[in-house]
């Protein structure tokens, strides 16, 4: 009987990630509708930033990134022109109040950070009766890969009159004011008209993150 209960506890534990995986972020609105944005009227391209400043604001992630000093930012790109927009060479950096440039973390960097913090900790599952808690270790790297696959940019090409969005992660360990004092600096976004053979680089986009953060704070009851 005790063995049966123990196996049931393990089964329930591994069922939890599957439930979390069913959660999805809200559909992205056009970039022009967000408080934190930079709109290039002449080029008809807008980019917005939506900050997850707490893990509760993005419950669909499988990992608590903010708790581990990784700031998820949803980047929304809206192309209102008749040309293709390419993000293949785009550089999306966080510029801090100290003028430090923080690039978006790649999957391997996120893995290293989370393994440093919690790789060996595991989850303790209470068992009935006198049995001691059971510790189960999670495949953290698999969850990170799933989050990158599910919530990253699905494509680097933004077709005319469409919106594309994805989440990027920034290492904010040691940054004294990661939101109010920082901006998202995006360069090397390129566009190409149907009759042209080469891409043309757009002017850089600069988005103050504090605008997104203040809008989130105003929504709290």
C-alpha atoms as a PDB file:
ATOM      1  CA  UNK A   1       0.000   0.000   0.000  1.00  0.00           C
ATOM      2  CA  UNK A   2       2.794   2.412   0.920  1.00  0.00           C
ATOM      3  CA  UNK A   3       4.612   1.566  -2.301  1.00  0.00           C
ATOM      4  CA  UNK A   4       1.444   2.251  -4.269  1.00  0.00           C
ATOM      5  CA  UNK A   5       1.078   5.682  -2.656  1.00  0.00           C
ATOM      6  CA  UNK A   6       4.706   6.493  -3.352  1.00  0.00           C
ATOM      7  CA  UNK A   7       4.320   5.643  -7.033  1.00  0.00           C
ATOM      8  CA  UNK A   8       1.131   7.686  -7.181  1.00  0.00           C
ATOM      9  CA  UNK A   9       2.947  10.711  -5.750  1.00  0.00           C
ATOM     10  CA  UNK A  10       5.660  10.392  -8.396  1.00  0.00           C
ATOM     11  CA  UNK A  11       3.060  10.082 -11.153  1.00  0.00           C
ATOM     12  CA  UNK A  12       1.258  13.199  -9.971  1.00  0.00           C
ATOM     13  CA  UNK A  13       4.492  15.156  -9.825  1.00  0.00           C
ATOM     14  CA  UNK A  14       5.399  14.405 -13.406  1.00  0.00           C
ATOM     15  CA  UNK A  15       1.895  15.252 -14.542  1.00  0.00           C
ATOM     16  CA  UNK A  16       2.340  18.851 -13.369  1.00  0.00           C
ATOM     17  CA  UNK A  17       4.741  20.032 -16.128  1.00  0.00           C
ATOM     18  CA  UNK A  18       2.297  18.790 -18.756  1.00  0.00           C
ATOM     19  CA  UNK A  19      -0.412  21.023 -17.285  1.00  0.00           C
ATOM     20  CA  UNK A  20       1.954  24.001 -17.237  1.00  0.00           C
ATOM     21  CA  UNK A  21       2.886  23.330 -20.851  1.00  0.00           C
ATOM     22  CA  UNK A  22      -0.734  23.851 -21.866  1.00  0.00           C
ATOM     23  CA  UNK A  23      -0.594  27.478 -20.756  1.00  0.00           C
ATOM     24  CA  UNK A  24       0.088  30.028 -23.440  1.00  0.00           C
ATOM     25  CA  UNK A  25       0.821  33.752 -23.432  1.00  0.00           C
ATOM     26  CA  UNK A  26      -1.945  36.059 -24.604  1.00  0.00           C
ATOM     27  CA  UNK A  27      -1.997  36.737 -28.322  1.00  0.00           C
ATOM     28  CA  UNK A  28       0.217  39.658 -29.261  1.00  0.00           C
ATOM     29  CA  UNK A  29      -1.522  42.902 -30.212  1.00  0.00           C
ATOM     30  CA  UNK A  30       0.023  45.288 -32.754  1.00  0.00           C
ATOM     31  CA  UNK A  31       3.173  46.881 -31.374  1.00  0.00           C
ATOM     32  CA  UNK A  32       1.597  50.319 -31.603  1.00  0.00           C
ATOM     33  CA  UNK A  33      -0.913  49.391 -28.872  1.00  0.00           C
ATOM     34  CA  UNK A  34       1.720  48.861 -26.141  1.00  0.00           C
ATOM     35  CA  UNK A  35       2.913  51.643 -23.811  1.00  0.00           C
ATOM     36  CA  UNK A  36       6.608  50.817 -24.307  1.00  0.00           C
ATOM     37  CA  UNK A  37       7.283  51.135 -28.027  1.00  0.00           C
ATOM     38  CA  UNK A  38       9.202  52.901 -30.762  1.00  0.00           C
ATOM     39  CA  UNK A  39       7.242  53.632 -33.932  1.00  0.00           C
ATOM     40  CA  UNK A  40       9.012  54.484 -37.181  1.00  0.00           C
ATOM     41  CA  UNK A  41       6.235  56.208 -39.081  1.00  0.00           C
ATOM     42  CA  UNK A  42       8.216  56.746 -42.282  1.00  0.00           C
ATOM     43  CA  UNK A  43       9.278  53.106 -42.457  1.00  0.00           C
ATOM     44  CA  UNK A  44       5.918  51.811 -41.150  1.00  0.00           C
ATOM     45  CA  UNK A  45       7.556  49.498 -38.635  1.00  0.00           C
ATOM     46  CA  UNK A  46       6.927  49.495 -34.873  1.00  0.00           C
ATOM     47  CA  UNK A  47       8.570  47.501 -32.089  1.00  0.00           C
ATOM     48  CA  UNK A  48       7.229  47.206 -28.537  1.00  0.00           C
ATOM     49  CA  UNK A  49       8.493  45.621 -25.313  1.00  0.00           C
ATOM     50  CA  UNK A  50       6.350  43.937 -22.669  1.00  0.00           C
ATOM     51  CA  UNK A  51       8.240  43.130 -19.468  1.00  0.00           C
ATOM     52  CA  UNK A  52       7.593  40.128 -17.187  1.00  0.00           C
ATOM     53  CA  UNK A  53       8.866  41.743 -13.992  1.00  0.00           C
ATOM     54  CA  UNK A  54       7.471  38.947 -11.803  1.00  0.00           C
ATOM     55  CA  UNK A  55       7.102  35.226 -12.438  1.00  0.00           C
ATOM     56  CA  UNK A  56       3.370  35.521 -11.689  1.00  0.00           C
ATOM     57  CA  UNK A  57       2.853  37.755 -14.725  1.00  0.00           C
ATOM     58  CA  UNK A  58       4.055  34.991 -17.046  1.00  0.00           C
ATOM     59  CA  UNK A  59       2.691  31.776 -15.483  1.00  0.00           C
ATOM     60  CA  UNK A  60       3.084  29.833 -18.720  1.00  0.00           C
ATOM     61  CA  UNK A  61       6.870  29.550 -18.315  1.00  0.00           C
ATOM     62  CA  UNK A  62       8.075  26.233 -16.957  1.00  0.00           C
ATOM     63  CA  UNK A  63      10.885  27.898 -14.976  1.00  0.00           C
ATOM     64  CA  UNK A  64      10.826  30.850 -12.565  1.00  0.00           C
ATOM     65  CA  UNK A  65      13.238  33.036 -14.504  1.00  0.00           C
ATOM     66  CA  UNK A  66      12.797  36.303 -12.590  1.00  0.00           C
ATOM     67  CA  UNK A  67      13.558  34.470  -9.346  1.00  0.00           C
ATOM     68  CA  UNK A  68      16.907  33.555 -10.911  1.00  0.00           C
ATOM     69  CA  UNK A  69      17.770  37.084 -12.117  1.00  0.00           C
ATOM     70  CA  UNK A  70      16.684  36.449 -15.698  1.00  0.00           C
ATOM     71  CA  UNK A  71      14.238  39.047 -17.007  1.00  0.00           C
ATOM     72  CA  UNK A  72      11.846  37.850 -19.748  1.00  0.00           C
ATOM     73  CA  UNK A  73      10.837  40.550 -22.200  1.00  0.00           C
ATOM     74  CA  UNK A  74       8.313  40.002 -24.952  1.00  0.00           C
ATOM     75  CA  UNK A  75       9.385  41.823 -28.098  1.00  0.00           C
ATOM     76  CA  UNK A  76       6.576  42.612 -30.520  1.00  0.00           C
ATOM     77  CA  UNK A  77       7.375  43.610 -34.112  1.00  0.00           C
ATOM     78  CA  UNK A  78       4.629  45.009 -36.347  1.00  0.00           C
ATOM     79  CA  UNK A  79       5.258  45.560 -40.045  1.00  0.00           C
ATOM     80  CA  UNK A  80       2.669  47.915 -41.536  1.00  0.00           C
ATOM     81  CA  UNK A  81       4.590  48.359 -44.763  1.00  0.00           C
ATOM     82  CA  UNK A  82       4.324  46.502 -48.073  1.00  0.00           C
ATOM     83  CA  UNK A  83       7.883  45.166 -47.672  1.00  0.00           C
ATOM     84  CA  UNK A  84       9.352  42.192 -45.871  1.00  0.00           C
ATOM     85  CA  UNK A  85      11.126  42.894 -42.577  1.00  0.00           C
ATOM     86  CA  UNK A  86      14.035  40.667 -41.567  1.00  0.00           C
ATOM     87  CA  UNK A  87      15.236  40.033 -38.009  1.00  0.00           C
ATOM     88  CA  UNK A  88      18.029  37.674 -39.099  1.00  0.00           C
ATOM     89  CA  UNK A  89      20.779  40.118 -38.143  1.00  0.00           C
ATOM     90  CA  UNK A  90      18.877  42.013 -35.451  1.00  0.00           C
ATOM     91  CA  UNK A  91      20.681  42.837 -32.190  1.00  0.00           C
ATOM     92  CA  UNK A  92      18.305  43.302 -29.249  1.00  0.00           C
ATOM     93  CA  UNK A  93      20.282  44.587 -26.281  1.00  0.00           C
ATOM     94  CA  UNK A  94      19.300  45.939 -22.890  1.00  0.00           C
ATOM     95  CA  UNK A  95      21.003  49.250 -22.168  1.00  0.00           C
ATOM     96  CA  UNK A  96      21.299  49.866 -18.411  1.00  0.00           C
ATOM     97  CA  UNK A  97      21.532  53.178 -16.561  1.00  0.00           C
ATOM     98  CA  UNK A  98      25.295  52.521 -16.322  1.00  0.00           C
ATOM     99  CA  UNK A  99      25.460  52.230 -20.122  1.00  0.00           C
ATOM    100  CA  UNK A 100      26.163  48.508 -19.973  1.00  0.00           C
ATOM    101  CA  UNK A 101      24.936  46.496 -22.941  1.00  0.00           C
ATOM    102  CA  UNK A 102      23.307  43.188 -22.033  1.00  0.00           C
ATOM    103  CA  UNK A 103      22.606  40.899 -25.012  1.00  0.00           C
ATOM    104  CA  UNK A 104      19.675  38.525 -25.015  1.00  0.00           C
ATOM    105  CA  UNK A 105      20.780  35.264 -23.396  1.00  0.00           C
ATOM    106  CA  UNK A 106      21.018  32.185 -25.561  1.00  0.00           C
ATOM    107  CA  UNK A 107      19.678  28.852 -24.348  1.00  0.00           C
ATOM    108  CA  UNK A 108      23.072  27.598 -23.134  1.00  0.00           C
ATOM    109  CA  UNK A 109      23.568  30.718 -20.998  1.00  0.00           C
ATOM    110  CA  UNK A 110      20.158  30.307 -19.376  1.00  0.00           C
ATOM    111  CA  UNK A 111      21.019  26.675 -18.656  1.00  0.00           C
ATOM    112  CA  UNK A 112      24.274  27.636 -16.946  1.00  0.00           C
ATOM    113  CA  UNK A 113      22.522  30.224 -14.773  1.00  0.00           C
ATOM    114  CA  UNK A 114      19.777  27.873 -13.604  1.00  0.00           C
ATOM    115  CA  UNK A 115      22.121  24.985 -12.949  1.00  0.00           C
ATOM    116  CA  UNK A 116      24.225  27.319 -10.823  1.00  0.00           C
ATOM    117  CA  UNK A 117      21.194  28.209  -8.725  1.00  0.00           C
ATOM    118  CA  UNK A 118      19.030  25.103  -8.427  1.00  0.00           C
ATOM    119  CA  UNK A 119      20.298  22.150 -10.404  1.00  0.00           C
ATOM    120  CA  UNK A 120      20.826  19.934  -7.388  1.00  0.00           C
ATOM    121  CA  UNK A 121      18.055  21.183  -5.127  1.00  0.00           C
ATOM    122  CA  UNK A 122      15.129  19.216  -6.511  1.00  0.00           C
ATOM    123  CA  UNK A 123      11.581  19.131  -5.165  1.00  0.00           C
ATOM    124  CA  UNK A 124      10.617  17.492  -1.874  1.00  0.00           C
ATOM    125  CA  UNK A 125       7.367  15.524  -2.024  1.00  0.00           C
ATOM    126  CA  UNK A 126       5.721  14.726   1.328  1.00  0.00           C
ATOM    127  CA  UNK A 127       4.669  11.117   1.737  1.00  0.00           C
ATOM    128  CA  UNK A 128       1.991   9.710   4.043  1.00  0.00           C
ATOM    129  CA  UNK A 129       2.776   8.253   7.435  1.00  0.00           C
ATOM    130  CA  UNK A 130       6.276   8.067   8.887  1.00  0.00           C
ATOM    131  CA  UNK A 131       8.036   8.022   5.518  1.00  0.00           C
ATOM    132  CA  UNK A 132      10.533  10.874   4.930  1.00  0.00           C
ATOM    133  CA  UNK A 133       9.933  13.329   2.073  1.00  0.00           C
ATOM    134  CA  UNK A 134      11.004  12.131  -1.343  1.00  0.00           C
ATOM    135  CA  UNK A 135      13.294  14.385  -3.419  1.00  0.00           C
ATOM    136  CA  UNK A 136      12.763  14.388  -7.174  1.00  0.00           C
ATOM    137  CA  UNK A 137      15.236  16.155  -9.465  1.00  0.00           C
ATOM    138  CA  UNK A 138      13.875  17.844 -12.555  1.00  0.00           C
ATOM    139  CA  UNK A 139      15.398  17.995 -16.048  1.00  0.00           C
ATOM    140  CA  UNK A 140      15.834  21.769 -15.971  1.00  0.00           C
ATOM    141  CA  UNK A 141      17.542  21.898 -19.350  1.00  0.00           C
ATOM    142  CA  UNK A 142      14.577  20.187 -21.030  1.00  0.00           C
ATOM    143  CA  UNK A 143      12.167  22.766 -19.633  1.00  0.00           C
ATOM    144  CA  UNK A 144      14.365  25.606 -20.857  1.00  0.00           C
ATOM    145  CA  UNK A 145      14.492  24.097 -24.337  1.00  0.00           C
ATOM    146  CA  UNK A 146      10.708  23.760 -24.335  1.00  0.00           C
ATOM    147  CA  UNK A 147      10.280  27.398 -23.260  1.00  0.00           C
ATOM    148  CA  UNK A 148      12.643  28.613 -25.989  1.00  0.00           C
ATOM    149  CA  UNK A 149      10.797  26.517 -28.570  1.00  0.00           C
ATOM    150  CA  UNK A 150       7.303  27.484 -27.429  1.00  0.00           C
ATOM    151  CA  UNK A 151       7.760  31.164 -26.547  1.00  0.00           C
ATOM    152  CA  UNK A 152      10.696  32.399 -28.618  1.00  0.00           C
ATOM    153  CA  UNK A 153      10.360  34.014 -32.035  1.00  0.00           C
ATOM    154  CA  UNK A 154       8.628  31.566 -34.393  1.00  0.00           C
ATOM    155  CA  UNK A 155      10.218  33.258 -37.406  1.00  0.00           C
ATOM    156  CA  UNK A 156      12.722  35.969 -38.243  1.00  0.00           C
ATOM    157  CA  UNK A 157      10.689  37.261 -41.192  1.00  0.00           C
ATOM    158  CA  UNK A 158       7.830  39.682 -40.595  1.00  0.00           C
ATOM    159  CA  UNK A 159       5.568  39.700 -43.612  1.00  0.00           C
ATOM    160  CA  UNK A 160       3.793  42.875 -44.759  1.00  0.00           C
ATOM    161  CA  UNK A 161       0.929  43.961 -42.480  1.00  0.00           C
ATOM    162  CA  UNK A 162       1.614  41.306 -39.844  1.00  0.00           C
ATOM    163  CA  UNK A 163       2.890  41.123 -36.248  1.00  0.00           C
ATOM    164  CA  UNK A 164       5.481  38.685 -34.882  1.00  0.00           C
ATOM    165  CA  UNK A 165       6.487  38.361 -31.232  1.00  0.00           C
ATOM    166  CA  UNK A 166       8.739  36.304 -28.993  1.00  0.00           C
ATOM    167  CA  UNK A 167      10.262  36.280 -25.514  1.00  0.00           C
ATOM    168  CA  UNK A 168      13.906  37.066 -24.867  1.00  0.00           C
ATOM    169  CA  UNK A 169      15.763  36.625 -21.571  1.00  0.00           C
ATOM    170  CA  UNK A 170      18.222  39.119 -20.075  1.00  0.00           C
ATOM    171  CA  UNK A 171      20.715  38.472 -17.294  1.00  0.00           C
ATOM    172  CA  UNK A 172      20.000  41.218 -14.738  1.00  0.00           C
ATOM    173  CA  UNK A 173      22.201  39.913 -11.924  1.00  0.00           C
ATOM    174  CA  UNK A 174      23.940  42.924 -10.379  1.00  0.00           C
ATOM    175  CA  UNK A 175      21.949  45.493 -12.376  1.00  0.00           C
ATOM    176  CA  UNK A 176      20.800  48.084  -9.843  1.00  0.00           C
ATOM    177  CA  UNK A 177      17.748  49.322 -11.744  1.00  0.00           C
ATOM    178  CA  UNK A 178      16.959  46.795 -14.481  1.00  0.00           C
ATOM    179  CA  UNK A 179      13.605  48.255 -15.540  1.00  0.00           C
ATOM    180  CA  UNK A 180      13.145  51.914 -14.648  1.00  0.00           C
ATOM    181  CA  UNK A 181      16.725  52.713 -15.595  1.00  0.00           C
ATOM    182  CA  UNK A 182      17.045  50.625 -18.753  1.00  0.00           C
ATOM    183  CA  UNK A 183      15.922  50.590 -22.347  1.00  0.00           C
ATOM    184  CA  UNK A 184      15.769  48.010 -25.103  1.00  0.00           C
ATOM    185  CA  UNK A 185      18.077  49.009 -27.954  1.00  0.00           C
ATOM    186  CA  UNK A 186      17.385  47.192 -31.229  1.00  0.00           C
ATOM    187  CA  UNK A 187      19.484  47.608 -34.354  1.00  0.00           C
ATOM    188  CA  UNK A 188      20.131  45.892 -37.666  1.00  0.00           C
ATOM    189  CA  UNK A 189      16.461  45.370 -38.410  1.00  0.00           C
ATOM    190  CA  UNK A 190      16.290  45.238 -42.179  1.00  0.00           C
ATOM    191  CA  UNK A 191      13.639  45.591 -44.852  1.00  0.00           C
ATOM    192  CA  UNK A 192      13.411  44.782 -48.522  1.00  0.00           C
ATOM    193  CA  UNK A 193      10.951  46.040 -51.081  1.00  0.00           C
ATOM    194  CA  UNK A 194       9.640  43.545 -53.694  1.00  0.00           C
ATOM    195  CA  UNK A 195      11.594  45.205 -56.521  1.00  0.00           C
ATOM    196  CA  UNK A 196      14.881  45.301 -54.580  1.00  0.00           C
ATOM    197  CA  UNK A 197      17.547  42.598 -54.292  1.00  0.00           C
ATOM    198  CA  UNK A 198      19.279  43.822 -51.112  1.00  0.00           C
ATOM    199  CA  UNK A 199      18.030  44.520 -47.615  1.00  0.00           C
ATOM    200  CA  UNK A 200      18.039  48.060 -46.284  1.00  0.00           C
ATOM    201  CA  UNK A 201      18.830  48.629 -42.608  1.00  0.00           C
ATOM    202  CA  UNK A 202      16.297  50.612 -40.594  1.00  0.00           C
ATOM    203  CA  UNK A 203      17.208  53.188 -37.997  1.00  0.00           C
ATOM    204  CA  UNK A 204      17.728  51.747 -34.506  1.00  0.00           C
ATOM    205  CA  UNK A 205      14.765  51.317 -32.147  1.00  0.00           C
ATOM    206  CA  UNK A 206      14.978  52.577 -28.550  1.00  0.00           C
ATOM    207  CA  UNK A 207      12.302  51.512 -26.055  1.00  0.00           C
ATOM    208  CA  UNK A 208      12.206  52.694 -22.427  1.00  0.00           C
ATOM    209  CA  UNK A 209      11.308  49.662 -20.313  1.00  0.00           C
ATOM    210  CA  UNK A 210       9.885  51.779 -17.494  1.00  0.00           C
ATOM    211  CA  UNK A 211       6.835  52.569 -19.631  1.00  0.00           C
ATOM    212  CA  UNK A 212       5.933  48.883 -19.769  1.00  0.00           C
ATOM    213  CA  UNK A 213       6.659  48.403 -16.067  1.00  0.00           C
ATOM    214  CA  UNK A 214       4.502  51.325 -14.989  1.00  0.00           C
ATOM    215  CA  UNK A 215       1.623  50.091 -17.101  1.00  0.00           C
ATOM    216  CA  UNK A 216       1.858  46.715 -15.341  1.00  0.00           C
ATOM    217  CA  UNK A 217       1.943  48.370 -11.911  1.00  0.00           C
ATOM    218  CA  UNK A 218      -1.160  50.380 -12.730  1.00  0.00           C
ATOM    219  CA  UNK A 219      -3.064  47.168 -13.422  1.00  0.00           C
ATOM    220  CA  UNK A 220      -2.554  45.849  -9.883  1.00  0.00           C
ATOM    221  CA  UNK A 221      -5.684  46.039  -7.673  1.00  0.00           C
END
